[in-house]
């Protein structure tokens, strides 16, 4: 800092702003509120319209990847036996659950959070809509593939138990990661977690095949267990989502411009 800058800095520190009369302050605040109440600057759009707008801002690679996985899944249901394509979905469902998170977190890596804060929607609303959009897209891909496969053979609930439960479990893990890691390293950590979860699913399947006596689940209990597992993990994922959206920690107090 130069001598002139130091002198200017000291002068700025010594400056005392004039006191504002409380009566004038409240009068000005009341007038501003009345003007805002008269007419909104921008009309409020429906949720579907807002999500459609956000879809245009998601990376093209997200949609391409989802399309490729959908096509591959449909091809597997028609060419492979039931056990093969269910295993494919079971092992790779953690990877599918991870695909949407980089698209959602793109604002941070590109450093445009402040720009988005000044736009029509606050950053909290943008994140909420993008998470909803990517999550629903991934779930729809799974449902379409499973439904097409079950038209040919098998039990739908058995497939849900094997594919959707690890998908929902992985989603809850990824929410926890993005809540606690706010640097660019989050992408590497998410990718590493996805790989580890895929390996874990593969190892669990191998273990169950080697120890069939541990598989006490009966056919009549599959529907009930699938419902309980999916419901529990959905609640956990929703809680992680709400904690992320409402996060208030050091360095995050100004993240959401609704504060």
C-alpha atoms as a PDB file:
ATOM      1  CA  UNK A   1       0.000   0.000   0.000  1.00  0.00           C
ATOM      2  CA  UNK A   2       1.469   3.383  -1.063  1.00  0.00           C
ATOM      3  CA  UNK A   3       1.670   6.452   1.179  1.00  0.00           C
ATOM      4  CA  UNK A   4      -1.206   8.113  -0.701  1.00  0.00           C
ATOM      5  CA  UNK A   5      -3.356   4.980  -0.345  1.00  0.00           C
ATOM      6  CA  UNK A   6      -2.604   4.819   3.372  1.00  0.00           C
ATOM      7  CA  UNK A   7      -3.587   8.462   3.798  1.00  0.00           C
ATOM      8  CA  UNK A   8      -6.824   7.901   1.892  1.00  0.00           C
ATOM      9  CA  UNK A   9      -7.526   4.785   3.943  1.00  0.00           C
ATOM     10  CA  UNK A  10      -7.089   6.722   7.203  1.00  0.00           C
ATOM     11  CA  UNK A  11      -9.377   9.485   5.978  1.00  0.00           C
ATOM     12  CA  UNK A  12     -12.050   6.951   5.065  1.00  0.00           C
ATOM     13  CA  UNK A  13     -11.792   5.346   8.500  1.00  0.00           C
ATOM     14  CA  UNK A  14     -12.274   8.716  10.189  1.00  0.00           C
ATOM     15  CA  UNK A  15     -15.389   9.516   8.192  1.00  0.00           C
ATOM     16  CA  UNK A  16     -18.553   9.373  10.234  1.00  0.00           C
ATOM     17  CA  UNK A  17     -21.825   9.056   8.281  1.00  0.00           C
ATOM     18  CA  UNK A  18     -24.583  11.421   9.384  1.00  0.00           C
ATOM     19  CA  UNK A  19     -27.250  10.065  11.689  1.00  0.00           C
ATOM     20  CA  UNK A  20     -30.514   9.119  10.026  1.00  0.00           C
ATOM     21  CA  UNK A  21     -33.654  10.240  11.760  1.00  0.00           C
ATOM     22  CA  UNK A  22     -35.748   7.234  12.701  1.00  0.00           C
ATOM     23  CA  UNK A  23     -38.965   8.914  11.592  1.00  0.00           C
ATOM     24  CA  UNK A  24     -37.654   9.652   8.094  1.00  0.00           C
ATOM     25  CA  UNK A  25     -36.166   6.160   7.816  1.00  0.00           C
ATOM     26  CA  UNK A  26     -39.455   4.397   8.621  1.00  0.00           C
ATOM     27  CA  UNK A  27     -41.374   6.773   6.350  1.00  0.00           C
ATOM     28  CA  UNK A  28     -39.074   5.975   3.417  1.00  0.00           C
ATOM     29  CA  UNK A  29     -39.299   2.245   4.166  1.00  0.00           C
ATOM     30  CA  UNK A  30     -43.096   2.397   4.227  1.00  0.00           C
ATOM     31  CA  UNK A  31     -43.229   4.225   0.879  1.00  0.00           C
ATOM     32  CA  UNK A  32     -40.913   1.665  -0.706  1.00  0.00           C
ATOM     33  CA  UNK A  33     -43.082  -1.216   0.524  1.00  0.00           C
ATOM     34  CA  UNK A  34     -46.210   0.470  -0.833  1.00  0.00           C
ATOM     35  CA  UNK A  35     -44.612   0.885  -4.267  1.00  0.00           C
ATOM     36  CA  UNK A  36     -43.493  -2.746  -4.320  1.00  0.00           C
ATOM     37  CA  UNK A  37     -46.977  -3.923  -3.333  1.00  0.00           C
ATOM     38  CA  UNK A  38     -48.600  -2.009  -6.194  1.00  0.00           C
ATOM     39  CA  UNK A  39     -47.020  -4.037  -8.965  1.00  0.00           C
ATOM     40  CA  UNK A  40     -44.501  -6.850  -9.181  1.00  0.00           C
ATOM     41  CA  UNK A  41     -41.457  -6.192 -11.298  1.00  0.00           C
ATOM     42  CA  UNK A  42     -41.784  -9.594 -12.979  1.00  0.00           C
ATOM     43  CA  UNK A  43     -44.804 -11.921 -13.124  1.00  0.00           C
ATOM     44  CA  UNK A  44     -44.522 -15.150 -11.146  1.00  0.00           C
ATOM     45  CA  UNK A  45     -44.165 -18.260 -13.285  1.00  0.00           C
ATOM     46  CA  UNK A  46     -45.553 -21.692 -12.487  1.00  0.00           C
ATOM     47  CA  UNK A  47     -43.199 -24.365 -11.156  1.00  0.00           C
ATOM     48  CA  UNK A  48     -43.269 -26.303 -14.446  1.00  0.00           C
ATOM     49  CA  UNK A  49     -42.298 -23.167 -16.402  1.00  0.00           C
ATOM     50  CA  UNK A  50     -39.449 -22.418 -14.000  1.00  0.00           C
ATOM     51  CA  UNK A  51     -38.120 -25.971 -14.220  1.00  0.00           C
ATOM     52  CA  UNK A  52     -38.376 -25.873 -18.032  1.00  0.00           C
ATOM     53  CA  UNK A  53     -36.264 -22.695 -18.052  1.00  0.00           C
ATOM     54  CA  UNK A  54     -33.637 -24.347 -15.839  1.00  0.00           C
ATOM     55  CA  UNK A  55     -33.532 -27.373 -18.156  1.00  0.00           C
ATOM     56  CA  UNK A  56     -32.132 -25.114 -20.871  1.00  0.00           C
ATOM     57  CA  UNK A  57     -29.231 -24.123 -18.616  1.00  0.00           C
ATOM     58  CA  UNK A  58     -28.151 -27.649 -17.716  1.00  0.00           C
ATOM     59  CA  UNK A  59     -25.119 -28.942 -19.573  1.00  0.00           C
ATOM     60  CA  UNK A  60     -25.824 -30.696 -22.866  1.00  0.00           C
ATOM     61  CA  UNK A  61     -23.584 -33.514 -21.629  1.00  0.00           C
ATOM     62  CA  UNK A  62     -26.006 -34.259 -18.811  1.00  0.00           C
ATOM     63  CA  UNK A  63     -28.838 -34.863 -21.294  1.00  0.00           C
ATOM     64  CA  UNK A  64     -26.578 -36.813 -23.666  1.00  0.00           C
ATOM     65  CA  UNK A  65     -25.378 -39.052 -20.820  1.00  0.00           C
ATOM     66  CA  UNK A  66     -28.922 -39.685 -19.612  1.00  0.00           C
ATOM     67  CA  UNK A  67     -29.999 -40.502 -23.173  1.00  0.00           C
ATOM     68  CA  UNK A  68     -27.117 -42.940 -23.649  1.00  0.00           C
ATOM     69  CA  UNK A  69     -27.890 -44.707 -20.366  1.00  0.00           C
ATOM     70  CA  UNK A  70     -31.562 -44.934 -21.327  1.00  0.00           C
ATOM     71  CA  UNK A  71     -30.756 -46.480 -24.719  1.00  0.00           C
ATOM     72  CA  UNK A  72     -28.192 -48.892 -23.234  1.00  0.00           C
ATOM     73  CA  UNK A  73     -30.659 -49.925 -20.541  1.00  0.00           C
ATOM     74  CA  UNK A  74     -33.439 -50.577 -23.058  1.00  0.00           C
ATOM     75  CA  UNK A  75     -31.078 -52.580 -25.295  1.00  0.00           C
ATOM     76  CA  UNK A  76     -29.998 -54.692 -22.316  1.00  0.00           C
ATOM     77  CA  UNK A  77     -33.606 -55.465 -21.398  1.00  0.00           C
ATOM     78  CA  UNK A  78     -34.169 -56.833 -24.915  1.00  0.00           C
ATOM     79  CA  UNK A  79     -30.880 -58.674 -25.460  1.00  0.00           C
ATOM     80  CA  UNK A  80     -29.759 -59.880 -22.030  1.00  0.00           C
ATOM     81  CA  UNK A  81     -31.474 -62.127 -19.516  1.00  0.00           C
ATOM     82  CA  UNK A  82     -33.267 -60.611 -16.553  1.00  0.00           C
ATOM     83  CA  UNK A  83     -30.493 -61.293 -14.039  1.00  0.00           C
ATOM     84  CA  UNK A  84     -27.899 -59.558 -16.226  1.00  0.00           C
ATOM     85  CA  UNK A  85     -29.721 -56.276 -16.758  1.00  0.00           C
ATOM     86  CA  UNK A  86     -30.899 -56.120 -13.122  1.00  0.00           C
ATOM     87  CA  UNK A  87     -27.290 -56.628 -12.022  1.00  0.00           C
ATOM     88  CA  UNK A  88     -26.224 -53.893 -14.439  1.00  0.00           C
ATOM     89  CA  UNK A  89     -28.754 -51.486 -12.929  1.00  0.00           C
ATOM     90  CA  UNK A  90     -27.961 -52.554  -9.366  1.00  0.00           C
ATOM     91  CA  UNK A  91     -24.215 -52.019  -9.726  1.00  0.00           C
ATOM     92  CA  UNK A  92     -24.374 -48.803 -11.769  1.00  0.00           C
ATOM     93  CA  UNK A  93     -27.294 -47.083 -10.019  1.00  0.00           C
ATOM     94  CA  UNK A  94     -24.869 -45.136  -7.729  1.00  0.00           C
ATOM     95  CA  UNK A  95     -23.152 -43.794 -10.855  1.00  0.00           C
ATOM     96  CA  UNK A  96     -26.494 -42.759 -12.351  1.00  0.00           C
ATOM     97  CA  UNK A  97     -27.404 -40.962  -9.112  1.00  0.00           C
ATOM     98  CA  UNK A  98     -24.128 -39.003  -9.242  1.00  0.00           C
ATOM     99  CA  UNK A  99     -24.492 -37.681 -12.805  1.00  0.00           C
ATOM    100  CA  UNK A 100     -26.845 -34.839 -11.913  1.00  0.00           C
ATOM    101  CA  UNK A 101     -24.761 -33.348  -9.091  1.00  0.00           C
ATOM    102  CA  UNK A 102     -21.967 -31.855 -11.261  1.00  0.00           C
ATOM    103  CA  UNK A 103     -24.653 -30.224 -13.414  1.00  0.00           C
ATOM    104  CA  UNK A 104     -26.250 -28.739 -10.304  1.00  0.00           C
ATOM    105  CA  UNK A 105     -22.934 -27.549  -8.824  1.00  0.00           C
ATOM    106  CA  UNK A 106     -21.698 -25.999 -12.075  1.00  0.00           C
ATOM    107  CA  UNK A 107     -22.420 -22.483 -10.792  1.00  0.00           C
ATOM    108  CA  UNK A 108     -19.761 -22.813  -8.111  1.00  0.00           C
ATOM    109  CA  UNK A 109     -17.044 -24.191 -10.379  1.00  0.00           C
ATOM    110  CA  UNK A 110     -17.640 -21.417 -12.924  1.00  0.00           C
ATOM    111  CA  UNK A 111     -17.789 -18.724 -10.256  1.00  0.00           C
ATOM    112  CA  UNK A 112     -21.133 -17.326 -11.427  1.00  0.00           C
ATOM    113  CA  UNK A 113     -23.002 -17.582  -8.154  1.00  0.00           C
ATOM    114  CA  UNK A 114     -23.058 -13.805  -7.753  1.00  0.00           C
ATOM    115  CA  UNK A 115     -24.372 -13.375 -11.296  1.00  0.00           C
ATOM    116  CA  UNK A 116     -27.201 -15.816 -10.667  1.00  0.00           C
ATOM    117  CA  UNK A 117     -27.996 -14.053  -7.414  1.00  0.00           C
ATOM    118  CA  UNK A 118     -28.691 -10.853  -9.323  1.00  0.00           C
ATOM    119  CA  UNK A 119     -31.004 -12.547 -11.818  1.00  0.00           C
ATOM    120  CA  UNK A 120     -34.702 -13.316 -11.680  1.00  0.00           C
ATOM    121  CA  UNK A 121     -34.402 -16.262  -9.280  1.00  0.00           C
ATOM    122  CA  UNK A 122     -32.314 -16.412  -6.136  1.00  0.00           C
ATOM    123  CA  UNK A 123     -29.583 -19.017  -5.978  1.00  0.00           C
ATOM    124  CA  UNK A 124     -31.498 -21.123  -3.491  1.00  0.00           C
ATOM    125  CA  UNK A 125     -34.449 -21.447  -5.879  1.00  0.00           C
ATOM    126  CA  UNK A 126     -32.137 -22.244  -8.798  1.00  0.00           C
ATOM    127  CA  UNK A 127     -30.480 -25.073  -6.856  1.00  0.00           C
ATOM    128  CA  UNK A 128     -33.830 -26.431  -5.736  1.00  0.00           C
ATOM    129  CA  UNK A 129     -35.221 -26.531  -9.273  1.00  0.00           C
ATOM    130  CA  UNK A 130     -32.071 -28.082 -10.754  1.00  0.00           C
ATOM    131  CA  UNK A 131     -31.885 -30.763  -8.080  1.00  0.00           C
ATOM    132  CA  UNK A 132     -35.553 -31.569  -8.677  1.00  0.00           C
ATOM    133  CA  UNK A 133     -35.052 -31.654 -12.450  1.00  0.00           C
ATOM    134  CA  UNK A 134     -31.956 -33.881 -12.447  1.00  0.00           C
ATOM    135  CA  UNK A 135     -33.349 -36.215  -9.788  1.00  0.00           C
ATOM    136  CA  UNK A 136     -36.646 -36.726 -11.588  1.00  0.00           C
ATOM    137  CA  UNK A 137     -34.835 -37.277 -14.913  1.00  0.00           C
ATOM    138  CA  UNK A 138     -32.610 -39.982 -13.431  1.00  0.00           C
ATOM    139  CA  UNK A 139     -35.555 -41.663 -11.700  1.00  0.00           C
ATOM    140  CA  UNK A 140     -37.561 -41.630 -14.949  1.00  0.00           C
ATOM    141  CA  UNK A 141     -34.664 -43.318 -16.782  1.00  0.00           C
ATOM    142  CA  UNK A 142     -34.635 -46.090 -14.170  1.00  0.00           C
ATOM    143  CA  UNK A 143     -38.415 -46.508 -14.225  1.00  0.00           C
ATOM    144  CA  UNK A 144     -38.572 -46.707 -18.037  1.00  0.00           C
ATOM    145  CA  UNK A 145     -35.801 -49.298 -18.219  1.00  0.00           C
ATOM    146  CA  UNK A 146     -37.270 -51.408 -15.415  1.00  0.00           C
ATOM    147  CA  UNK A 147     -40.802 -51.187 -16.802  1.00  0.00           C
ATOM    148  CA  UNK A 148     -39.721 -52.233 -20.299  1.00  0.00           C
ATOM    149  CA  UNK A 149     -37.765 -55.125 -18.828  1.00  0.00           C
ATOM    150  CA  UNK A 150     -40.662 -56.297 -16.673  1.00  0.00           C
ATOM    151  CA  UNK A 151     -43.009 -56.299 -19.676  1.00  0.00           C
ATOM    152  CA  UNK A 152     -40.965 -59.248 -20.809  1.00  0.00           C
ATOM    153  CA  UNK A 153     -40.562 -61.104 -17.518  1.00  0.00           C
ATOM    154  CA  UNK A 154     -40.161 -60.852 -13.783  1.00  0.00           C
ATOM    155  CA  UNK A 155     -41.405 -59.000 -10.735  1.00  0.00           C
ATOM    156  CA  UNK A 156     -41.352 -55.199 -10.780  1.00  0.00           C
ATOM    157  CA  UNK A 157     -41.010 -54.922  -6.994  1.00  0.00           C
ATOM    158  CA  UNK A 158     -38.005 -57.221  -6.949  1.00  0.00           C
ATOM    159  CA  UNK A 159     -36.318 -54.970  -9.502  1.00  0.00           C
ATOM    160  CA  UNK A 160     -37.170 -51.857  -7.473  1.00  0.00           C
ATOM    161  CA  UNK A 161     -35.658 -53.431  -4.367  1.00  0.00           C
ATOM    162  CA  UNK A 162     -32.434 -54.214  -6.200  1.00  0.00           C
ATOM    163  CA  UNK A 163     -32.044 -50.965  -8.172  1.00  0.00           C
ATOM    164  CA  UNK A 164     -33.897 -48.077  -6.529  1.00  0.00           C
ATOM    165  CA  UNK A 165     -32.661 -48.741  -2.990  1.00  0.00           C
ATOM    166  CA  UNK A 166     -28.943 -48.328  -3.874  1.00  0.00           C
ATOM    167  CA  UNK A 167     -29.916 -45.369  -6.084  1.00  0.00           C
ATOM    168  CA  UNK A 168     -31.643 -43.582  -3.188  1.00  0.00           C
ATOM    169  CA  UNK A 169     -28.888 -44.544  -0.738  1.00  0.00           C
ATOM    170  CA  UNK A 170     -26.238 -43.101  -3.073  1.00  0.00           C
ATOM    171  CA  UNK A 171     -28.245 -39.890  -3.494  1.00  0.00           C
ATOM    172  CA  UNK A 172     -28.307 -39.381   0.285  1.00  0.00           C
ATOM    173  CA  UNK A 173     -24.520 -39.910   0.419  1.00  0.00           C
ATOM    174  CA  UNK A 174     -23.930 -37.365  -2.362  1.00  0.00           C
ATOM    175  CA  UNK A 175     -26.085 -34.766  -0.604  1.00  0.00           C
ATOM    176  CA  UNK A 176     -23.987 -35.232   2.520  1.00  0.00           C
ATOM    177  CA  UNK A 177     -20.807 -34.714   0.485  1.00  0.00           C
ATOM    178  CA  UNK A 178     -21.917 -31.479  -1.193  1.00  0.00           C
ATOM    179  CA  UNK A 179     -23.053 -30.140   2.178  1.00  0.00           C
ATOM    180  CA  UNK A 180     -19.601 -30.622   3.713  1.00  0.00           C
ATOM    181  CA  UNK A 181     -17.329 -29.955   0.720  1.00  0.00           C
ATOM    182  CA  UNK A 182     -17.693 -26.538  -0.927  1.00  0.00           C
ATOM    183  CA  UNK A 183     -14.491 -26.509  -3.029  1.00  0.00           C
ATOM    184  CA  UNK A 184     -13.782 -27.752  -6.546  1.00  0.00           C
ATOM    185  CA  UNK A 185     -12.530 -30.988  -4.989  1.00  0.00           C
ATOM    186  CA  UNK A 186     -16.188 -31.949  -4.580  1.00  0.00           C
ATOM    187  CA  UNK A 187     -16.239 -33.283  -8.167  1.00  0.00           C
ATOM    188  CA  UNK A 188     -13.371 -35.697  -7.522  1.00  0.00           C
ATOM    189  CA  UNK A 189     -14.897 -36.751  -4.213  1.00  0.00           C
ATOM    190  CA  UNK A 190     -18.286 -37.383  -5.842  1.00  0.00           C
ATOM    191  CA  UNK A 191     -16.670 -39.447  -8.606  1.00  0.00           C
ATOM    192  CA  UNK A 192     -14.629 -41.421  -6.075  1.00  0.00           C
ATOM    193  CA  UNK A 193     -17.700 -42.034  -3.925  1.00  0.00           C
ATOM    194  CA  UNK A 194     -19.658 -43.232  -6.987  1.00  0.00           C
ATOM    195  CA  UNK A 195     -16.916 -45.703  -7.907  1.00  0.00           C
ATOM    196  CA  UNK A 196     -16.673 -46.978  -4.329  1.00  0.00           C
ATOM    197  CA  UNK A 197     -20.456 -47.406  -4.096  1.00  0.00           C
ATOM    198  CA  UNK A 198     -20.519 -49.301  -7.417  1.00  0.00           C
ATOM    199  CA  UNK A 199     -17.749 -51.591  -6.159  1.00  0.00           C
ATOM    200  CA  UNK A 200     -19.611 -51.995  -2.875  1.00  0.00           C
ATOM    201  CA  UNK A 201     -22.788 -53.037  -4.689  1.00  0.00           C
ATOM    202  CA  UNK A 202     -20.817 -55.549  -6.755  1.00  0.00           C
ATOM    203  CA  UNK A 203     -19.122 -56.998  -3.668  1.00  0.00           C
ATOM    204  CA  UNK A 204     -22.441 -57.212  -1.814  1.00  0.00           C
ATOM    205  CA  UNK A 205     -24.018 -59.111  -4.708  1.00  0.00           C
ATOM    206  CA  UNK A 206     -21.066 -61.531  -4.809  1.00  0.00           C
ATOM    207  CA  UNK A 207     -21.268 -62.041  -1.044  1.00  0.00           C
ATOM    208  CA  UNK A 208     -25.000 -62.789  -1.204  1.00  0.00           C
ATOM    209  CA  UNK A 209     -24.453 -65.316  -3.994  1.00  0.00           C
ATOM    210  CA  UNK A 210     -21.750 -67.055  -1.925  1.00  0.00           C
ATOM    211  CA  UNK A 211     -23.969 -67.135   1.178  1.00  0.00           C
ATOM    212  CA  UNK A 212     -27.523 -67.841  -0.017  1.00  0.00           C
ATOM    213  CA  UNK A 213     -28.527 -68.919   3.504  1.00  0.00           C
ATOM    214  CA  UNK A 214     -28.407 -65.245   4.527  1.00  0.00           C
ATOM    215  CA  UNK A 215     -31.099 -64.282   2.014  1.00  0.00           C
ATOM    216  CA  UNK A 216     -34.104 -64.674   4.308  1.00  0.00           C
ATOM    217  CA  UNK A 217     -36.276 -62.363   2.212  1.00  0.00           C
ATOM    218  CA  UNK A 218     -39.338 -64.224   1.036  1.00  0.00           C
ATOM    219  CA  UNK A 219     -41.230 -63.406  -2.125  1.00  0.00           C
ATOM    220  CA  UNK A 220     -44.277 -62.189  -0.229  1.00  0.00           C
ATOM    221  CA  UNK A 221     -42.130 -59.746   1.776  1.00  0.00           C
ATOM    222  CA  UNK A 222     -40.439 -58.138  -1.226  1.00  0.00           C
ATOM    223  CA  UNK A 223     -43.115 -55.498  -1.807  1.00  0.00           C
ATOM    224  CA  UNK A 224     -43.213 -54.495   1.863  1.00  0.00           C
ATOM    225  CA  UNK A 225     -39.408 -54.315   2.225  1.00  0.00           C
ATOM    226  CA  UNK A 226     -39.000 -52.403  -1.037  1.00  0.00           C
ATOM    227  CA  UNK A 227     -41.563 -49.859   0.112  1.00  0.00           C
ATOM    228  CA  UNK A 228     -39.964 -49.443   3.560  1.00  0.00           C
ATOM    229  CA  UNK A 229     -36.439 -49.184   2.169  1.00  0.00           C
ATOM    230  CA  UNK A 230     -37.368 -46.690  -0.539  1.00  0.00           C
ATOM    231  CA  UNK A 231     -39.469 -44.619   1.886  1.00  0.00           C
ATOM    232  CA  UNK A 232     -36.721 -44.484   4.523  1.00  0.00           C
ATOM    233  CA  UNK A 233     -34.020 -43.498   2.030  1.00  0.00           C
ATOM    234  CA  UNK A 234     -36.315 -40.935   0.387  1.00  0.00           C
ATOM    235  CA  UNK A 235     -36.817 -39.287   3.784  1.00  0.00           C
ATOM    236  CA  UNK A 236     -33.053 -39.313   4.429  1.00  0.00           C
ATOM    237  CA  UNK A 237     -32.361 -37.789   0.993  1.00  0.00           C
ATOM    238  CA  UNK A 238     -35.042 -35.130   1.483  1.00  0.00           C
ATOM    239  CA  UNK A 239     -33.550 -34.232   4.870  1.00  0.00           C
ATOM    240  CA  UNK A 240     -30.081 -33.895   3.329  1.00  0.00           C
ATOM    241  CA  UNK A 241     -31.557 -31.706   0.579  1.00  0.00           C
ATOM    242  CA  UNK A 242     -33.284 -29.404   3.063  1.00  0.00           C
ATOM    243  CA  UNK A 243     -30.122 -29.164   5.148  1.00  0.00           C
ATOM    244  CA  UNK A 244     -28.149 -28.227   2.033  1.00  0.00           C
ATOM    245  CA  UNK A 245     -30.629 -25.581   0.905  1.00  0.00           C
ATOM    246  CA  UNK A 246     -30.826 -24.117   4.412  1.00  0.00           C
ATOM    247  CA  UNK A 247     -27.125 -24.437   5.159  1.00  0.00           C
ATOM    248  CA  UNK A 248     -25.684 -21.672   7.343  1.00  0.00           C
ATOM    249  CA  UNK A 249     -22.020 -22.100   8.170  1.00  0.00           C
ATOM    250  CA  UNK A 250     -18.895 -20.002   8.080  1.00  0.00           C
ATOM    251  CA  UNK A 251     -18.416 -18.718   4.549  1.00  0.00           C
ATOM    252  CA  UNK A 252     -21.938 -19.715   3.502  1.00  0.00           C
ATOM    253  CA  UNK A 253     -23.947 -16.975   5.204  1.00  0.00           C
ATOM    254  CA  UNK A 254     -24.058 -14.929   2.004  1.00  0.00           C
ATOM    255  CA  UNK A 255     -24.415 -17.903  -0.334  1.00  0.00           C
ATOM    256  CA  UNK A 256     -28.184 -17.699  -0.624  1.00  0.00           C
ATOM    257  CA  UNK A 257     -29.403 -14.198  -1.350  1.00  0.00           C
ATOM    258  CA  UNK A 258     -32.678 -14.762   0.507  1.00  0.00           C
ATOM    259  CA  UNK A 259     -30.829 -14.240   3.818  1.00  0.00           C
END
